[in-house]
Protein backbone atom coordinates (compact mmCIF):
# COMPACT_ATOMS: atom_id res chain seq x y z
CA MET A 1 -23.21 -1.30 -16.04
CA ASN A 2 -26.46 -0.48 -14.50
CA LYS A 3 -26.89 0.50 -10.76
CA GLU A 4 -27.70 -3.36 -9.99
CA GLU A 5 -24.56 -4.59 -11.39
CA LYS A 6 -22.37 -2.09 -10.16
CA ILE A 7 -23.74 -2.81 -6.65
CA ASP A 8 -23.31 -6.72 -7.47
CA GLN A 9 -19.61 -5.68 -7.70
CA LEU A 10 -18.91 -3.41 -5.44
CA LEU A 11 -20.08 -6.35 -2.88
CA THR A 12 -17.97 -9.29 -4.33
CA ARG A 13 -14.91 -7.96 -6.41
CA GLY A 14 -11.95 -8.05 -4.18
CA VAL A 15 -14.07 -8.52 -1.25
CA SER A 16 -13.36 -11.07 1.29
CA GLU A 17 -15.98 -10.80 3.90
CA VAL A 18 -19.14 -8.54 4.29
CA LEU A 19 -20.56 -8.18 8.18
CA PRO A 20 -22.80 -8.99 9.25
CA SER A 21 -24.05 -10.22 5.36
CA ALA A 22 -23.46 -9.17 1.92
CA GLU A 23 -27.45 -9.59 1.57
CA SER A 24 -28.14 -6.92 4.37
CA LEU A 25 -25.78 -4.13 2.66
CA LYS A 26 -27.15 -5.09 -0.59
CA VAL A 27 -30.77 -4.26 0.80
CA ALA A 28 -29.42 -0.90 2.45
CA LEU A 29 -27.54 -0.08 -0.80
CA GLN A 30 -30.77 -0.67 -3.00
CA GLY A 31 -32.59 1.69 -0.70
CA ARG A 32 -32.47 5.54 -1.22
CA LYS A 33 -31.13 6.33 2.03
CA LYS A 34 -27.49 7.85 1.21
CA LEU A 35 -24.74 5.71 3.80
CA LYS A 36 -21.96 7.26 5.39
CA ILE A 37 -18.81 4.81 4.55
CA TYR A 38 -15.19 5.51 5.55
CA ILE A 39 -11.74 3.69 5.25
CA GLY A 40 -8.74 4.74 7.76
CA ILE A 41 -5.32 5.17 7.05
CA ASP A 42 -2.47 5.82 9.40
CA PRO A 43 0.32 7.89 8.25
CA THR A 44 3.23 6.21 9.56
CA SER A 45 5.08 6.65 6.19
CA PRO A 46 4.83 9.49 3.74
CA MET A 47 3.87 6.96 0.97
CA LEU A 48 0.61 5.43 0.44
CA HIS A 49 1.03 2.30 -1.91
CA ILE A 50 -0.84 0.04 -4.13
CA GLY A 51 -2.09 -2.41 -1.24
CA HIS A 52 -3.66 1.06 0.06
CA ALA A 53 -5.24 1.71 -3.34
CA ILE A 54 -7.58 -1.78 -3.30
CA GLY A 55 -9.65 0.01 -0.13
CA LEU A 56 -9.54 3.57 -1.72
CA ARG A 57 -10.68 1.75 -4.98
CA LYS A 58 -13.61 0.27 -3.01
CA LEU A 59 -14.64 3.52 -1.31
CA ARG A 60 -14.53 5.12 -4.90
CA GLU A 61 -17.06 2.35 -6.05
CA PHE A 62 -19.31 3.69 -2.82
CA GLN A 63 -18.61 7.32 -4.18
CA ASP A 64 -19.58 6.93 -7.80
CA LEU A 65 -22.79 5.36 -6.40
CA GLY A 66 -23.83 8.96 -4.50
CA HIS A 67 -22.76 7.55 -0.78
CA GLU A 68 -21.23 10.17 1.95
CA VAL A 69 -17.48 8.26 1.70
CA ILE A 70 -14.67 9.64 4.27
CA LEU A 71 -10.75 9.03 3.94
CA LEU A 72 -10.13 9.39 7.68
CA LEU A 73 -6.31 9.73 8.71
CA GLY A 74 -5.14 8.22 11.66
CA SER A 75 -3.63 11.14 13.23
CA PHE A 76 -4.12 9.96 16.72
CA THR A 77 -3.96 5.88 16.27
CA ALA A 78 -0.53 6.22 14.05
CA MET A 79 0.77 7.53 17.32
CA ILE A 80 0.11 4.58 19.04
CA GLY A 81 0.55 2.36 16.43
CA ASP A 82 -1.75 -0.85 14.89
CA PRO A 83 -0.26 -3.92 16.71
CA THR A 84 -1.97 -6.40 14.03
CA ASP A 85 0.05 -8.88 12.96
CA LYS A 86 3.21 -7.63 14.59
CA THR A 87 5.28 -9.96 16.77
CA ALA A 88 7.06 -7.00 18.65
CA VAL A 89 5.94 -3.57 19.78
CA ARG A 90 5.77 -0.53 17.28
CA THR A 91 8.13 2.18 17.79
CA GLN A 92 5.82 4.99 19.02
CA LEU A 93 5.79 8.21 16.75
CA THR A 94 5.12 11.96 17.57
CA GLN A 95 2.40 13.89 16.25
CA LYS A 96 4.49 15.96 14.35
CA GLU A 97 6.00 13.11 12.59
CA VAL A 98 2.49 11.68 11.76
CA LEU A 99 1.30 15.17 10.35
CA LYS A 100 4.26 15.33 8.16
CA ASN A 101 3.88 12.02 6.84
CA ALA A 102 0.37 13.07 5.92
CA VAL A 103 1.29 16.16 3.34
CA THR A 104 0.75 14.93 0.42
CA TYR A 105 -1.72 11.90 1.11
CA LYS A 106 -4.87 14.23 -0.11
CA GLU A 107 -2.85 14.39 -3.17
CA GLN A 108 -1.66 10.86 -3.68
CA ALA A 109 -5.27 9.49 -2.70
CA GLY A 110 -6.71 11.87 -5.51
CA LYS A 111 -5.33 9.23 -7.70
CA ILE A 112 -7.96 7.44 -6.91
CA LEU A 113 -10.56 9.18 -5.12
CA ASN A 114 -12.65 12.68 -5.97
CA PHE A 115 -11.86 15.32 -3.63
CA GLU A 116 -14.07 17.91 -5.63
CA GLY A 117 -17.39 17.88 -7.63
CA LYS A 118 -20.68 16.92 -6.05
CA ASN A 119 -20.34 14.10 -3.89
CA PRO A 120 -16.53 14.76 -2.93
CA VAL A 121 -14.49 12.43 -0.59
CA LYS A 122 -14.42 14.22 3.21
CA LEU A 123 -11.10 14.37 4.94
CA MET A 124 -11.10 13.75 8.37
CA PHE A 125 -8.19 13.38 11.12
CA ASN A 126 -9.06 11.33 14.26
CA HIS A 127 -7.22 13.44 16.71
CA LYS A 128 -9.73 15.87 16.70
CA TRP A 129 -11.93 13.42 18.86
CA LEU A 130 -9.61 11.34 20.52
CA GLN A 131 -6.86 13.66 21.80
CA LYS A 132 -10.12 15.64 23.69
CA MET A 133 -11.07 12.42 25.62
CA ASN A 134 -10.49 12.39 29.23
CA PHE A 135 -9.42 9.16 31.49
CA SER A 136 -12.64 8.97 32.78
CA GLU A 137 -14.28 8.30 28.80
CA VAL A 138 -11.18 6.09 28.18
CA VAL A 139 -12.15 3.87 31.25
CA ASN A 140 -15.62 3.97 29.80
CA LEU A 141 -14.53 3.15 26.42
CA ALA A 142 -12.30 0.03 27.83
CA SER A 143 -15.60 -0.85 29.95
CA HIS A 144 -17.50 -2.32 26.50
CA PHE A 145 -14.30 -5.37 26.14
CA THR A 146 -12.72 -7.60 28.14
CA VAL A 147 -8.97 -8.65 28.76
CA GLN A 148 -9.92 -12.19 27.22
CA GLN A 149 -11.07 -10.68 23.94
CA MET A 150 -7.94 -8.89 23.42
CA LEU A 151 -5.77 -12.17 23.93
CA GLU A 152 -7.32 -13.82 21.73
CA ARG A 153 -5.71 -11.73 18.85
CA ASP A 154 -2.92 -14.32 17.08
CA MET A 155 0.02 -11.88 17.55
CA PHE A 156 -0.69 -11.38 21.58
CA GLU A 157 -0.79 -15.30 21.78
CA THR A 158 2.32 -15.41 19.85
CA ARG A 159 4.39 -13.04 21.68
CA ILE A 160 3.15 -14.55 25.09
CA LYS A 161 4.39 -17.77 24.25
CA GLU A 162 7.74 -16.58 22.97
CA GLY A 163 7.95 -14.70 26.01
CA LYS A 164 7.98 -11.07 24.14
CA PRO A 165 5.98 -8.21 25.99
CA VAL A 166 2.27 -7.24 25.27
CA TYR A 167 1.64 -3.55 26.84
CA VAL A 168 -1.62 -2.10 27.63
CA HIS A 169 -1.42 0.51 25.25
CA GLU A 170 -1.30 -1.76 22.52
CA PHE A 171 -4.85 -3.29 23.91
CA MET A 172 -6.15 0.44 23.50
CA TYR A 173 -5.77 0.72 19.56
CA PRO A 174 -8.48 -1.45 18.37
CA LEU A 175 -11.04 0.38 21.04
CA MET A 176 -9.74 3.87 19.72
CA GLN A 177 -10.29 3.10 16.17
CA GLY A 178 -13.85 1.36 16.81
CA TYR A 179 -14.51 5.03 18.22
CA ASP A 180 -13.75 6.39 15.23
CA SER A 181 -17.20 4.80 13.88
CA VAL A 182 -18.88 6.42 17.11
CA ALA A 183 -17.10 9.42 16.46
CA MET A 184 -18.30 9.87 12.76
CA ASP A 185 -21.35 7.98 13.27
CA VAL A 186 -20.87 6.11 9.99
CA ASP A 187 -23.21 2.80 8.30
CA ALA A 188 -19.96 1.30 6.86
CA GLU A 189 -16.15 0.76 7.29
CA ILE A 190 -13.86 -0.62 4.32
CA GLY A 191 -10.19 -2.37 5.57
CA GLY A 192 -7.99 -5.48 5.01
CA SER A 193 -9.09 -8.49 6.16
CA ASP A 194 -6.51 -8.08 8.56
CA GLN A 195 -7.84 -5.30 10.25
CA THR A 196 -11.19 -7.42 10.75
CA PHE A 197 -10.75 -7.64 14.58
CA ASN A 198 -9.91 -3.75 14.95
CA MET A 199 -13.31 -3.06 12.69
CA LEU A 200 -15.45 -5.27 14.51
CA ALA A 201 -14.85 -3.43 17.57
CA GLY A 202 -16.22 -0.10 15.99
CA ARG A 203 -19.13 -2.45 15.20
CA THR A 204 -19.40 -3.15 19.00
CA LEU A 205 -19.40 0.40 19.85
CA GLN A 206 -21.80 1.51 17.34
CA ARG A 207 -24.10 -0.37 18.27
CA GLN A 208 -23.79 -0.38 21.96
CA ILE A 209 -23.29 3.60 22.05
CA ASN A 210 -25.29 5.09 18.96
CA GLY A 211 -27.56 2.34 18.93
CA ARG A 212 -27.02 1.38 15.57
CA GLU A 213 -25.58 -1.30 12.68
CA LYS A 214 -22.40 -1.05 11.33
CA PHE A 215 -21.32 -3.18 7.93
CA VAL A 216 -18.00 -4.29 7.80
CA ILE A 217 -16.33 -4.69 4.30
CA THR A 218 -12.86 -6.71 4.75
CA MET A 219 -10.76 -6.66 1.51
CA LYS A 220 -8.50 -9.40 0.37
CA LEU A 221 -5.04 -8.40 0.61
CA LEU A 222 -1.98 -8.35 -2.28
CA GLU A 223 0.29 -11.49 -0.98
CA ASN A 224 3.31 -12.60 -2.36
CA ALA A 225 4.04 -16.32 -2.46
CA GLU A 226 4.84 -16.37 0.79
CA GLY A 227 2.14 -15.38 2.08
CA LYS A 228 3.46 -11.74 3.19
CA LYS A 229 1.37 -8.87 2.48
CA MET A 230 2.62 -5.92 0.54
CA SER A 231 2.94 -3.32 2.67
CA LYS A 232 4.76 -0.39 4.52
CA SER A 233 6.49 -2.71 7.30
CA GLU A 234 6.98 -5.96 5.03
CA GLY A 235 8.10 -4.12 2.16
CA GLY A 236 7.78 -4.88 -1.94
CA PHE A 237 5.57 -2.58 -2.20
CA ILE A 238 4.49 0.15 -5.02
CA ALA A 239 3.94 3.66 -4.00
CA LEU A 240 1.02 5.65 -5.48
CA ASN A 241 3.61 8.37 -6.43
CA ASP A 242 6.29 6.10 -8.06
CA SER A 243 7.20 6.84 -11.39
CA ALA A 244 5.34 4.97 -14.20
CA LYS A 245 9.00 3.78 -14.92
CA ASP A 246 9.06 2.34 -11.39
CA ILE A 247 5.63 0.85 -11.00
CA PHE A 248 6.24 -0.83 -14.56
CA GLY A 249 9.51 -2.39 -13.51
CA LYS A 250 8.63 -3.78 -9.91
CA LEU A 251 5.50 -5.25 -11.57
CA MET A 252 7.54 -6.72 -14.10
CA ALA A 253 9.90 -8.10 -11.34
CA MET A 254 7.32 -9.43 -9.25
CA ASP A 255 6.48 -13.47 -9.18
CA ASP A 256 4.20 -14.44 -11.61
CA SER A 257 1.80 -15.76 -8.93
CA MET A 258 0.65 -12.33 -8.26
CA ILE A 259 -0.31 -11.62 -11.51
CA LEU A 260 -4.15 -12.75 -11.18
CA PRO A 261 -4.14 -11.35 -7.83
CA TYR A 262 -2.90 -7.55 -9.05
CA MET A 263 -5.39 -7.90 -12.16
CA GLU A 264 -8.32 -8.57 -9.79
CA LEU A 265 -7.62 -6.39 -6.56
CA ALA A 266 -5.28 -3.51 -8.34
CA SER A 267 -6.32 -2.83 -11.93
CA ASP A 268 -9.35 -2.27 -13.99
CA TYR A 269 -9.11 -5.66 -15.96
CA ALA A 270 -12.83 -7.17 -16.22
CA PRO A 271 -13.90 -10.24 -14.78
CA GLU A 272 -13.59 -12.11 -18.51
CA GLU A 273 -10.12 -10.55 -18.99
CA ILE A 274 -9.01 -12.41 -15.52
CA ALA A 275 -10.60 -15.32 -16.74
CA GLY A 276 -9.02 -15.55 -19.91
CA ALA A 277 -5.67 -14.86 -17.90
CA ARG A 278 -6.22 -17.69 -15.94
CA LYS A 279 -6.66 -19.95 -18.44
CA GLN A 280 -3.89 -19.06 -20.23
CA LEU A 281 -1.62 -19.13 -16.95
CA ALA A 282 -2.91 -22.83 -16.70
CA LEU A 283 -1.58 -23.81 -19.89
CA GLN A 284 1.93 -22.73 -18.65
CA VAL A 285 2.13 -20.15 -21.56
CA ASN A 286 4.86 -17.66 -21.09
CA PRO A 287 3.89 -15.24 -18.50
CA ARG A 288 5.76 -12.36 -19.70
CA GLU A 289 3.53 -10.42 -22.11
CA ILE A 290 0.54 -11.02 -19.63
CA LYS A 291 2.46 -9.45 -16.94
CA ALA A 292 4.07 -6.24 -19.58
CA GLU A 293 0.38 -5.84 -20.25
CA LEU A 294 -1.01 -5.84 -16.64
CA ALA A 295 2.28 -4.01 -15.94
CA GLU A 296 1.20 -0.98 -18.47
CA ARG A 297 -2.63 -0.98 -17.57
CA VAL A 298 -1.56 -0.27 -13.77
CA SER A 299 0.80 2.40 -15.07
CA ALA A 300 -1.46 3.99 -17.16
CA MET A 301 -4.37 4.19 -14.00
CA TYR A 302 -1.59 6.45 -11.82
CA HIS A 303 0.47 8.22 -15.11
CA GLY A 304 -1.86 8.05 -18.31
CA LYS A 305 -1.41 5.84 -21.09
CA LYS A 306 0.99 8.18 -22.80
CA GLU A 307 3.40 7.67 -19.33
CA ALA A 308 2.45 4.14 -19.61
CA ARG A 309 3.82 3.36 -22.80
CA LYS A 310 6.93 5.19 -22.58
CA ALA A 311 7.74 2.96 -19.53
CA ARG A 312 7.06 -0.38 -21.34
CA GLU A 313 9.47 0.65 -24.08
CA GLY A 314 11.97 1.98 -21.90
CA PHE A 315 11.73 -1.08 -20.05
CA ASP A 316 11.43 -3.55 -23.43
CA LYS A 317 14.80 -1.45 -24.92
CA VAL A 318 16.95 -2.68 -21.71
CA PHE A 319 15.52 -6.22 -21.32
CA LYS A 320 14.90 -7.12 -24.87
CA ALA A 321 17.55 -5.36 -26.90
CA GLY A 322 20.13 -5.23 -24.11
CA GLU A 323 20.47 -1.41 -24.73
CA THR A 324 20.90 1.11 -22.10
CA PRO A 325 18.22 3.59 -21.85
CA GLU A 326 18.24 7.31 -22.69
CA ASP A 327 16.94 9.12 -20.05
CA ILE A 328 19.45 8.37 -17.51
CA GLU A 329 20.33 10.97 -14.63
CA LEU A 330 23.70 12.24 -14.64
CA LYS A 331 25.38 12.97 -11.00
CA LYS A 332 29.07 14.29 -10.33
CA LEU A 333 31.18 12.25 -7.81
CA VAL A 334 32.27 13.48 -4.91
CA ASN A 335 33.99 9.90 -4.08
CA THR A 336 35.89 7.95 -6.12
CA ASN A 337 35.96 4.31 -4.71
CA ILE A 338 33.36 2.11 -6.06
CA ILE A 339 32.00 1.36 -2.47
CA ASP A 340 31.78 4.76 -1.62
CA VAL A 341 30.24 5.87 -5.15
CA LEU A 342 27.78 3.28 -4.55
CA ILE A 343 26.14 4.86 -1.29
CA GLU A 344 26.82 8.08 -3.30
CA VAL A 345 24.61 7.41 -6.24
CA GLY A 346 21.44 5.91 -4.18
CA PHE A 347 22.11 2.13 -5.35
CA ALA A 348 23.46 0.81 -1.80
CA SER A 349 22.33 2.04 1.69
CA SER A 350 25.61 1.26 3.40
CA LYS A 351 29.25 -0.01 2.95
CA SER A 352 27.97 -3.97 3.33
CA GLU A 353 25.53 -3.50 1.02
CA ALA A 354 27.80 -1.98 -1.59
CA ARG A 355 30.16 -4.66 -1.04
CA ARG A 356 27.28 -7.40 -1.30
CA LEU A 357 26.46 -5.72 -4.88
CA VAL A 358 29.86 -6.15 -5.92
CA ASP A 359 30.26 -9.82 -4.70
CA GLN A 360 27.09 -10.56 -6.81
CA ASN A 361 28.53 -9.17 -9.81
CA SER A 362 25.76 -6.80 -9.85
CA VAL A 363 27.79 -3.55 -10.32
CA LYS A 364 28.74 -2.71 -13.90
CA LEU A 365 30.49 0.29 -15.64
CA ASP A 366 29.96 0.96 -19.05
CA GLY A 367 28.76 -2.89 -19.32
CA VAL A 368 32.04 -4.22 -17.82
CA VAL A 369 31.54 -5.97 -14.77
CA ILE A 370 33.41 -4.63 -11.26
CA THR A 371 34.81 -7.26 -9.25
CA SER A 372 37.19 -5.59 -6.75
CA TYR A 373 35.90 -3.39 -3.66
CA GLU A 374 39.37 -1.25 -4.55
CA GLN A 375 38.50 0.35 -7.93
CA GLU A 376 38.50 4.16 -8.19
CA LEU A 377 36.56 5.74 -10.59
CA GLN A 378 38.76 8.57 -11.85
CA GLY A 379 39.50 9.74 -15.58
CA LEU A 380 35.77 9.53 -16.31
CA THR A 381 34.94 10.73 -19.46
CA LYS A 382 32.92 14.89 -19.89
CA GLU A 383 29.92 12.88 -20.96
CA GLY A 384 29.78 10.94 -18.17
CA ASN A 385 30.26 7.16 -17.80
CA VAL A 386 26.77 4.26 -17.07
CA LEU A 387 27.05 3.00 -14.14
CA GLN A 388 24.58 -0.17 -13.13
CA LYS A 389 23.42 -2.05 -10.63
CA GLY A 390 21.43 -5.18 -11.60
CA LYS A 391 19.48 -5.42 -14.78
CA ARG A 392 17.38 -1.99 -14.23
CA HIS A 393 19.37 0.32 -12.43
CA PHE A 394 21.21 2.83 -14.33
CA VAL A 395 22.97 5.99 -13.82
CA LYS A 396 25.41 8.30 -15.39
CA ILE A 397 28.68 9.45 -13.66
CA LYS A 398 31.75 12.20 -14.12
CA ASN A 399 33.98 13.78 -11.99
CA LYS A 400 33.50 17.00 -10.52
């Protein structure tokens, strides 16, 4: 693509809205000035996921066009917790917990962004400026907004109607995220469409304090058939550090309604390829092969074509041929009771979950369904026996 085509794709693919307008941002991108654009992520967990990758991929497009790009880690805001879409107050984290979560973020984000070369991504932490603010500065920051503006947020209205508390520190979150734009003096911010309120707070502050415009680029969200986004808090996410095997398997397990959103938001499919897939799905063809191709291509983005192909072949071996995969982890058991074993090998996190698996006939030993909570796994072979959970989880076990 030439520069004009790259700009058009940057402003449209996966984009929900550009504020104040896509036209004005296009004019800025066509000029000679290098823009400063950032995306912020709060390290509330050690993992980045494909939901994050939507914004990171858009940031990479700006980077490839030669603009200055910043990955900002919310090392201070993560301690407060973003109240967006939350029906209850978040549990606050310590800075030690937040920084521990962020240890591998650069490595994970490096699967998408370029931290080296002529135009490397800058990695920044917002505790560097937010932690230094005194009470007078915080009060002055708060003076730019009204209580009515804060109460307009849907989740606060919902909580008030339900008699749930809304804490003052939650009002401070958009102010802090907004101040990031001022501290870094940016031209634009990228974020999910659910972050519009917070990003507009930054636009207000940038205009009132630094006296200049800030573009807001909101991205579409990966949502399931029930309208819930894929996220750390909602679950059902694919981590960027998942193995090729896990990425492939999770994508194959997703609802068919997610195929087209994943193609647009989380892959490198060309628009004409997406249009072709949409047409095929409309004709009600079996979506399995379309989904398998998508799963292989997404796996290849993070692990290369060889590992992605291996993941697909392994998946087909188990699901098409009904065979057991070859590269199964071997574990020497401490316990013998099936309920304790399921927890020990990581197939269940509690005894109640282990019992549910047994009740659902989801547990097999060497292909035979286990139906009793009391079953003891003694006398296992020296080579190991295959314990299976559901359709795609296997482990080889032997007694110590």
